N, C-alpha and C. Protein backbone atom coordinates (compact mmCIF):
# COMPACT_ATOMS: atom_id res chain seq x y z
N MET A 1 132.89 -22.56 -19.04
CA MET A 1 132.07 -23.77 -19.04
C MET A 1 132.56 -24.69 -17.93
N HIS A 2 131.62 -25.18 -17.15
CA HIS A 2 131.94 -26.14 -16.10
C HIS A 2 131.73 -27.55 -16.62
N TYR A 3 132.61 -28.44 -16.21
CA TYR A 3 132.51 -29.85 -16.57
C TYR A 3 132.56 -30.69 -15.32
N SER A 4 131.95 -31.84 -15.40
CA SER A 4 132.04 -32.80 -14.30
C SER A 4 132.24 -34.18 -14.89
N ALA A 5 132.58 -35.11 -14.03
CA ALA A 5 132.82 -36.48 -14.48
C ALA A 5 132.02 -37.45 -13.62
N PHE A 6 131.46 -38.44 -14.29
CA PHE A 6 130.81 -39.57 -13.65
C PHE A 6 131.80 -40.73 -13.81
N ASP A 7 132.40 -41.16 -12.72
CA ASP A 7 133.40 -42.23 -12.75
C ASP A 7 132.72 -43.57 -12.50
N TYR A 8 133.13 -44.58 -13.26
CA TYR A 8 132.55 -45.90 -13.10
C TYR A 8 133.59 -46.96 -13.44
N PHE A 9 133.28 -48.20 -13.10
CA PHE A 9 134.22 -49.28 -13.39
C PHE A 9 133.48 -50.60 -13.56
N TYR A 10 134.21 -51.54 -14.10
CA TYR A 10 133.72 -52.91 -14.25
C TYR A 10 134.66 -53.79 -13.45
N ARG A 11 134.10 -54.66 -12.64
CA ARG A 11 134.91 -55.60 -11.84
C ARG A 11 134.32 -56.98 -12.05
N ASP A 12 135.15 -57.90 -12.55
CA ASP A 12 134.64 -59.26 -12.75
C ASP A 12 134.70 -60.03 -11.43
N ALA A 13 134.24 -61.26 -11.45
CA ALA A 13 134.17 -62.06 -10.23
C ALA A 13 135.54 -62.41 -9.65
N SER A 14 136.60 -62.27 -10.45
CA SER A 14 137.95 -62.49 -9.93
C SER A 14 138.58 -61.19 -9.43
N ASN A 15 137.81 -60.11 -9.42
CA ASN A 15 138.21 -58.80 -8.92
C ASN A 15 139.17 -58.06 -9.85
N TYR A 16 139.24 -58.45 -11.14
CA TYR A 16 139.97 -57.66 -12.11
C TYR A 16 139.09 -56.47 -12.47
N LYS A 17 139.71 -55.29 -12.66
CA LYS A 17 138.93 -54.08 -12.84
C LYS A 17 139.39 -53.29 -14.06
N ALA A 18 138.42 -52.58 -14.63
CA ALA A 18 138.67 -51.60 -15.69
C ALA A 18 137.90 -50.34 -15.31
N PHE A 19 138.52 -49.17 -15.49
CA PHE A 19 137.95 -47.90 -15.04
C PHE A 19 137.71 -46.96 -16.22
N SER A 20 136.72 -46.08 -16.07
CA SER A 20 136.47 -45.05 -17.07
C SER A 20 135.68 -43.91 -16.44
N SER A 21 135.52 -42.85 -17.22
CA SER A 21 134.73 -41.69 -16.81
C SER A 21 133.88 -41.23 -17.97
N VAL A 22 132.74 -40.66 -17.63
CA VAL A 22 131.87 -40.02 -18.59
C VAL A 22 131.98 -38.53 -18.32
N TRP A 23 132.33 -37.76 -19.34
CA TRP A 23 132.51 -36.32 -19.19
C TRP A 23 131.20 -35.62 -19.50
N LEU A 24 130.79 -34.74 -18.59
CA LEU A 24 129.51 -34.05 -18.70
C LEU A 24 129.70 -32.54 -18.71
N THR A 25 128.84 -31.86 -19.45
CA THR A 25 128.81 -30.41 -19.33
C THR A 25 127.95 -30.06 -18.14
N GLY A 26 128.40 -29.10 -17.37
CA GLY A 26 127.68 -28.71 -16.17
C GLY A 26 127.97 -29.62 -15.01
N THR A 27 127.27 -29.41 -13.93
CA THR A 27 127.45 -30.22 -12.73
C THR A 27 126.09 -30.70 -12.23
N LEU A 28 126.12 -31.70 -11.40
CA LEU A 28 124.90 -32.20 -10.76
C LEU A 28 124.81 -31.63 -9.36
N THR A 29 123.61 -31.31 -8.93
CA THR A 29 123.42 -30.84 -7.56
C THR A 29 123.59 -32.02 -6.60
N ASN A 30 123.73 -31.72 -5.34
CA ASN A 30 123.82 -32.79 -4.34
C ASN A 30 122.55 -33.64 -4.34
N ALA A 31 121.39 -33.02 -4.53
CA ALA A 31 120.13 -33.77 -4.58
C ALA A 31 120.11 -34.70 -5.79
N GLU A 32 120.60 -34.23 -6.94
CA GLU A 32 120.65 -35.09 -8.13
C GLU A 32 121.62 -36.25 -7.93
N ARG A 33 122.73 -35.99 -7.31
CA ARG A 33 123.70 -37.06 -7.03
C ARG A 33 123.09 -38.13 -6.14
N SER A 34 122.39 -37.70 -5.11
CA SER A 34 121.73 -38.66 -4.22
C SER A 34 120.66 -39.44 -4.98
N GLU A 35 119.93 -38.75 -5.82
CA GLU A 35 118.90 -39.42 -6.62
C GLU A 35 119.52 -40.44 -7.57
N LEU A 36 120.63 -40.07 -8.21
CA LEU A 36 121.28 -41.01 -9.13
C LEU A 36 121.72 -42.26 -8.39
N VAL A 37 122.32 -42.11 -7.23
CA VAL A 37 122.75 -43.27 -6.44
C VAL A 37 121.55 -44.12 -6.06
N ALA A 38 120.42 -43.49 -5.77
CA ALA A 38 119.21 -44.23 -5.42
C ALA A 38 118.66 -45.01 -6.62
N CYS A 39 119.01 -44.60 -7.83
CA CYS A 39 118.58 -45.31 -9.04
C CYS A 39 119.39 -46.58 -9.28
N LEU A 40 120.58 -46.66 -8.73
CA LEU A 40 121.46 -47.80 -8.95
C LEU A 40 120.89 -49.05 -8.28
N ASP A 41 121.15 -50.20 -8.86
CA ASP A 41 120.73 -51.45 -8.25
C ASP A 41 121.61 -51.68 -7.02
N GLY A 42 120.99 -51.82 -5.87
CA GLY A 42 121.74 -52.01 -4.64
C GLY A 42 122.60 -50.82 -4.26
N GLY A 43 122.33 -49.66 -4.82
CA GLY A 43 123.08 -48.46 -4.52
C GLY A 43 124.43 -48.37 -5.18
N GLU A 44 124.76 -49.33 -6.09
CA GLU A 44 126.08 -49.28 -6.72
C GLU A 44 126.17 -49.85 -8.13
N PHE A 45 125.22 -50.65 -8.58
CA PHE A 45 125.34 -51.34 -9.87
C PHE A 45 124.43 -50.77 -10.94
N PHE A 46 124.90 -50.84 -12.19
CA PHE A 46 124.08 -50.44 -13.34
C PHE A 46 124.53 -51.20 -14.58
N VAL A 47 123.68 -51.20 -15.59
CA VAL A 47 123.98 -51.84 -16.87
C VAL A 47 124.40 -50.74 -17.84
N ALA A 48 125.66 -50.75 -18.25
CA ALA A 48 126.21 -49.68 -19.10
C ALA A 48 125.42 -49.51 -20.39
N GLU A 49 125.05 -50.61 -21.00
CA GLU A 49 124.32 -50.55 -22.28
C GLU A 49 122.96 -49.86 -22.12
N GLN A 50 122.36 -50.00 -20.98
CA GLN A 50 121.05 -49.41 -20.74
C GLN A 50 121.14 -47.89 -20.54
N ILE A 51 122.24 -47.43 -20.00
CA ILE A 51 122.44 -46.01 -19.73
C ILE A 51 123.03 -45.30 -20.95
N GLY A 52 123.70 -46.04 -21.80
CA GLY A 52 124.33 -45.43 -22.97
C GLY A 52 125.77 -45.00 -22.75
N VAL A 53 126.41 -45.59 -21.73
CA VAL A 53 127.84 -45.34 -21.54
C VAL A 53 128.63 -46.54 -22.05
N ARG A 54 129.89 -46.30 -22.34
CA ARG A 54 130.75 -47.34 -22.91
C ARG A 54 130.96 -48.49 -21.93
N PRO A 55 130.59 -49.72 -22.33
CA PRO A 55 130.89 -50.88 -21.48
C PRO A 55 132.41 -51.09 -21.41
N LEU A 56 132.87 -51.61 -20.29
CA LEU A 56 134.31 -51.73 -20.06
C LEU A 56 134.83 -53.17 -20.11
N TYR A 57 134.01 -54.11 -20.52
CA TYR A 57 134.42 -55.52 -20.52
C TYR A 57 135.66 -55.77 -21.36
N ALA A 58 135.70 -55.15 -22.54
CA ALA A 58 136.77 -55.43 -23.50
C ALA A 58 138.15 -55.18 -22.92
N ALA A 59 138.28 -54.24 -22.00
CA ALA A 59 139.58 -53.98 -21.39
C ALA A 59 140.09 -55.20 -20.64
N LEU A 60 139.18 -55.99 -20.07
CA LEU A 60 139.60 -57.21 -19.37
C LEU A 60 139.73 -58.38 -20.34
N PHE A 61 138.94 -58.38 -21.40
CA PHE A 61 138.97 -59.48 -22.36
C PHE A 61 140.33 -59.60 -23.02
N GLN A 62 140.98 -58.47 -23.27
CA GLN A 62 142.28 -58.52 -23.93
C GLN A 62 143.33 -59.22 -23.07
N HIS A 63 143.14 -59.23 -21.76
CA HIS A 63 144.09 -59.90 -20.86
C HIS A 63 143.69 -61.34 -20.58
N GLY A 64 142.40 -61.63 -20.65
CA GLY A 64 141.93 -62.97 -20.31
C GLY A 64 141.49 -63.80 -21.49
N GLY A 65 141.66 -63.26 -22.71
CA GLY A 65 141.31 -64.03 -23.89
C GLY A 65 139.82 -64.06 -24.21
N GLY A 66 139.07 -63.11 -23.69
CA GLY A 66 137.65 -63.05 -23.99
C GLY A 66 136.81 -63.28 -22.75
N PRO A 67 135.50 -63.31 -22.91
CA PRO A 67 134.63 -63.52 -21.74
C PRO A 67 134.92 -64.86 -21.07
N THR A 68 134.80 -64.84 -19.76
CA THR A 68 134.98 -66.06 -18.97
C THR A 68 133.77 -66.21 -18.05
N GLU A 69 133.78 -67.25 -17.26
CA GLU A 69 132.69 -67.46 -16.31
C GLU A 69 132.69 -66.39 -15.22
N ASP A 70 133.75 -65.58 -15.14
CA ASP A 70 133.82 -64.51 -14.15
C ASP A 70 133.11 -63.23 -14.60
N ASP A 71 132.72 -63.16 -15.87
CA ASP A 71 132.11 -61.95 -16.39
C ASP A 71 130.61 -61.93 -16.17
N HIS A 72 130.08 -60.73 -16.07
CA HIS A 72 128.66 -60.51 -15.79
C HIS A 72 128.24 -59.20 -16.45
N ALA A 73 127.01 -58.79 -16.24
CA ALA A 73 126.44 -57.63 -16.92
C ALA A 73 126.62 -56.30 -16.19
N TRP A 74 127.05 -56.31 -14.95
CA TRP A 74 126.96 -55.12 -14.11
C TRP A 74 128.24 -54.30 -14.04
N HIS A 75 128.09 -52.99 -14.19
CA HIS A 75 129.16 -52.03 -13.94
C HIS A 75 128.88 -51.40 -12.58
N MET A 76 129.88 -50.70 -12.04
CA MET A 76 129.74 -50.11 -10.70
C MET A 76 130.01 -48.60 -10.75
N PHE A 77 129.24 -47.89 -9.96
CA PHE A 77 129.41 -46.45 -9.79
C PHE A 77 130.69 -46.19 -9.00
N GLY A 78 131.49 -45.23 -9.46
CA GLY A 78 132.74 -44.92 -8.77
C GLY A 78 132.73 -43.59 -8.04
N GLY A 79 131.97 -42.62 -8.55
CA GLY A 79 131.92 -41.32 -7.90
C GLY A 79 131.73 -40.19 -8.89
N PHE A 80 131.74 -38.98 -8.37
CA PHE A 80 131.62 -37.77 -9.18
C PHE A 80 132.84 -36.90 -8.95
N ARG A 81 133.20 -36.15 -9.98
CA ARG A 81 134.24 -35.12 -9.84
C ARG A 81 133.70 -33.85 -10.48
N ASP A 82 133.95 -32.72 -9.85
CA ASP A 82 133.47 -31.43 -10.36
C ASP A 82 134.60 -30.58 -10.88
N ASP A 83 134.20 -29.61 -11.69
CA ASP A 83 135.13 -28.62 -12.24
C ASP A 83 136.38 -29.29 -12.82
N VAL A 84 136.14 -30.34 -13.57
CA VAL A 84 137.22 -31.07 -14.21
C VAL A 84 137.77 -30.22 -15.35
N GLU A 85 139.09 -30.10 -15.41
CA GLU A 85 139.70 -29.42 -16.54
C GLU A 85 139.90 -30.45 -17.65
N LEU A 86 139.38 -30.13 -18.81
CA LEU A 86 139.48 -31.05 -19.93
C LEU A 86 140.73 -30.74 -20.72
N THR A 87 141.59 -31.73 -20.85
CA THR A 87 142.81 -31.57 -21.65
C THR A 87 142.78 -32.59 -22.77
N ASN A 88 143.42 -32.29 -23.84
CA ASN A 88 143.52 -33.16 -25.01
C ASN A 88 142.15 -33.50 -25.60
N GLY A 89 141.17 -32.63 -25.37
CA GLY A 89 139.87 -32.76 -26.01
C GLY A 89 139.13 -34.06 -25.82
N PRO A 90 138.89 -34.50 -24.57
CA PRO A 90 138.11 -35.73 -24.40
C PRO A 90 136.70 -35.52 -24.91
N GLU A 91 136.08 -36.58 -25.32
CA GLU A 91 134.73 -36.50 -25.84
C GLU A 91 133.74 -36.25 -24.71
N ILE A 92 132.87 -35.29 -24.92
CA ILE A 92 131.83 -34.99 -23.94
C ILE A 92 130.67 -35.94 -24.19
N TRP A 93 130.25 -36.67 -23.18
CA TRP A 93 129.12 -37.61 -23.31
C TRP A 93 127.83 -36.87 -23.49
N GLY A 94 127.63 -35.81 -22.71
CA GLY A 94 126.40 -35.03 -22.74
C GLY A 94 126.28 -34.18 -21.50
N THR A 95 125.06 -33.87 -21.14
CA THR A 95 124.82 -33.03 -19.97
C THR A 95 124.52 -33.88 -18.74
N GLY A 96 124.67 -33.27 -17.59
CA GLY A 96 124.29 -33.95 -16.36
C GLY A 96 122.82 -34.30 -16.35
N SER A 97 121.98 -33.45 -16.92
CA SER A 97 120.54 -33.74 -16.95
C SER A 97 120.23 -34.93 -17.86
N ALA A 98 120.98 -35.11 -18.93
CA ALA A 98 120.78 -36.28 -19.80
C ALA A 98 121.18 -37.57 -19.08
N LEU A 99 122.26 -37.52 -18.31
CA LEU A 99 122.66 -38.70 -17.54
C LEU A 99 121.61 -39.01 -16.49
N MET A 100 121.10 -37.98 -15.83
CA MET A 100 120.05 -38.19 -14.83
C MET A 100 118.82 -38.82 -15.47
N ALA A 101 118.44 -38.35 -16.64
CA ALA A 101 117.27 -38.90 -17.34
C ALA A 101 117.46 -40.38 -17.64
N ALA A 102 118.66 -40.77 -18.04
CA ALA A 102 118.94 -42.18 -18.35
C ALA A 102 118.82 -43.04 -17.09
N PHE A 103 119.34 -42.57 -15.98
CA PHE A 103 119.25 -43.33 -14.73
C PHE A 103 117.83 -43.37 -14.19
N ARG A 104 117.11 -42.27 -14.32
CA ARG A 104 115.71 -42.27 -13.87
C ARG A 104 114.89 -43.28 -14.66
N ALA A 105 115.13 -43.36 -15.97
CA ALA A 105 114.38 -44.29 -16.82
C ALA A 105 114.68 -45.74 -16.46
N ALA A 106 115.89 -46.01 -15.99
CA ALA A 106 116.29 -47.39 -15.68
C ALA A 106 115.96 -47.82 -14.26
N LYS A 107 115.72 -46.86 -13.38
CA LYS A 107 115.51 -47.16 -11.96
C LYS A 107 114.42 -48.23 -11.78
N GLY A 108 114.78 -49.27 -11.05
CA GLY A 108 113.84 -50.34 -10.74
C GLY A 108 113.56 -51.29 -11.87
N SER A 109 114.15 -51.05 -13.03
CA SER A 109 113.91 -51.94 -14.17
C SER A 109 115.20 -52.20 -14.95
N TRP A 110 116.25 -52.48 -14.22
CA TRP A 110 117.54 -52.77 -14.87
C TRP A 110 117.41 -54.01 -15.73
N GLN A 111 118.06 -53.99 -16.89
CA GLN A 111 117.95 -55.06 -17.88
C GLN A 111 119.32 -55.66 -18.19
N PRO A 112 119.82 -56.55 -17.35
CA PRO A 112 121.14 -57.15 -17.60
C PRO A 112 121.21 -57.91 -18.92
N GLY A 113 120.07 -58.31 -19.46
CA GLY A 113 120.03 -59.01 -20.75
C GLY A 113 120.53 -58.17 -21.90
N LEU A 114 120.67 -56.85 -21.72
CA LEU A 114 121.22 -56.00 -22.77
C LEU A 114 122.73 -56.19 -22.93
N SER A 115 123.35 -56.78 -21.93
CA SER A 115 124.79 -56.99 -21.95
C SER A 115 125.12 -58.31 -22.66
N PRO A 116 126.20 -58.33 -23.44
CA PRO A 116 126.64 -59.59 -24.04
C PRO A 116 127.12 -60.60 -23.00
N ASN A 117 127.35 -60.15 -21.77
CA ASN A 117 127.82 -61.02 -20.70
C ASN A 117 126.68 -61.58 -19.84
N PHE A 118 125.46 -61.35 -20.25
CA PHE A 118 124.32 -61.78 -19.45
C PHE A 118 124.32 -63.28 -19.19
N ASN A 119 124.72 -64.06 -20.15
CA ASN A 119 124.71 -65.52 -20.01
C ASN A 119 126.07 -66.12 -19.67
N CYS A 120 127.06 -65.27 -19.42
CA CYS A 120 128.40 -65.81 -19.09
C CYS A 120 128.38 -66.47 -17.74
């Protein structure tokens, strides 16, 4: 079985960052990768809640005491990794085609209001 990873992160306005990956079964073609990037707002931003991936805000909240005026709704695309060896049984998010479907559905209609940080 081949696995791949969709890497992403959250960066607040003070440039503090939290990183994560979504583990996928299978791999995405180069055309699918280009299409996914084209779905991102400005070629790099997405709303985690809209795609169904884990939001990363809480990792920064524990250091800053909760949401601040630096927080916002947008996560950032970090890259892809192929043929990832899974150790210690990480949870598989789903298939590459399911991730593509989520991004296709959101393209051009990102909804930052789905994030609890929309009004921060």
